[in-house]
């Protein structure tokens, strides 16, 4: 798909990785809806930077992705603002460091919140954009999962299970939304400079770097470039690409 003139909605677009994804898409000529949950000023700043740097249309949109009505309003507002919606990038996420063996610390309330943001939220958004993309005759959905969804690791059991679910949701939605819409997934390893990483303890961060074969974190720009590739593709769907400096081979 030619990205010039396409419209992309990036959830968590004001985050560390989300901003890189927004810039990578705008650099290719895509107009960008920067979705945020709380940081309005930051998201509006990202939108202004995109517009001035790449001469594209960009705007910030608030949304609680755990709320059905809010998600419906978001999609309606984006389509009204830009006239169409070609790309959805599900990058918004939430985590909290809870050791796997600390089952008492993994409360059902925390489990529900992690699932609501990391798995049910992307499902809500994907269902909401599905009829829009079908009517247009084209669309791309890119989910941002994690290597925690491929083996038992990560900030918590709930986070790992949610990301595993997101990877399989990618496969299932690729079937459900074909042939008009292609659905793929990027599974990063440890990435520095994100809100998710800031919630991890230093020992976990050090270990993730140490056990990778390249001895360094995953690169945000590599992840953003893969999102662009998945938006351009015409024949790849239902796939998950790992970018983790060599920790998980699947």
Foldseek 3Di string as FASTA:
>chain_A
DQLALAEEEEEVCLWPLNLLLLQLSLQSHYEYEYEYAPPQVSSQVSQVCSCVVRVHHYDYDYADLLDLVRLLVVVVVSCVVRVAHAEYELDWADDAADDAVPPVVCDPVNLVVRLSRLAVSVVSNCVSCLVRQVVVQAHEYEYEAACLCVDPDDRYNSNNVSSVNVLVVQQVVCVVRPDRYAGEYEHEYDDPRGPRNVNDDPVSVCVLLCQQPQSHFFYSNVRSVVSVVRSPDNPDHSYYHYGGNHDDDD
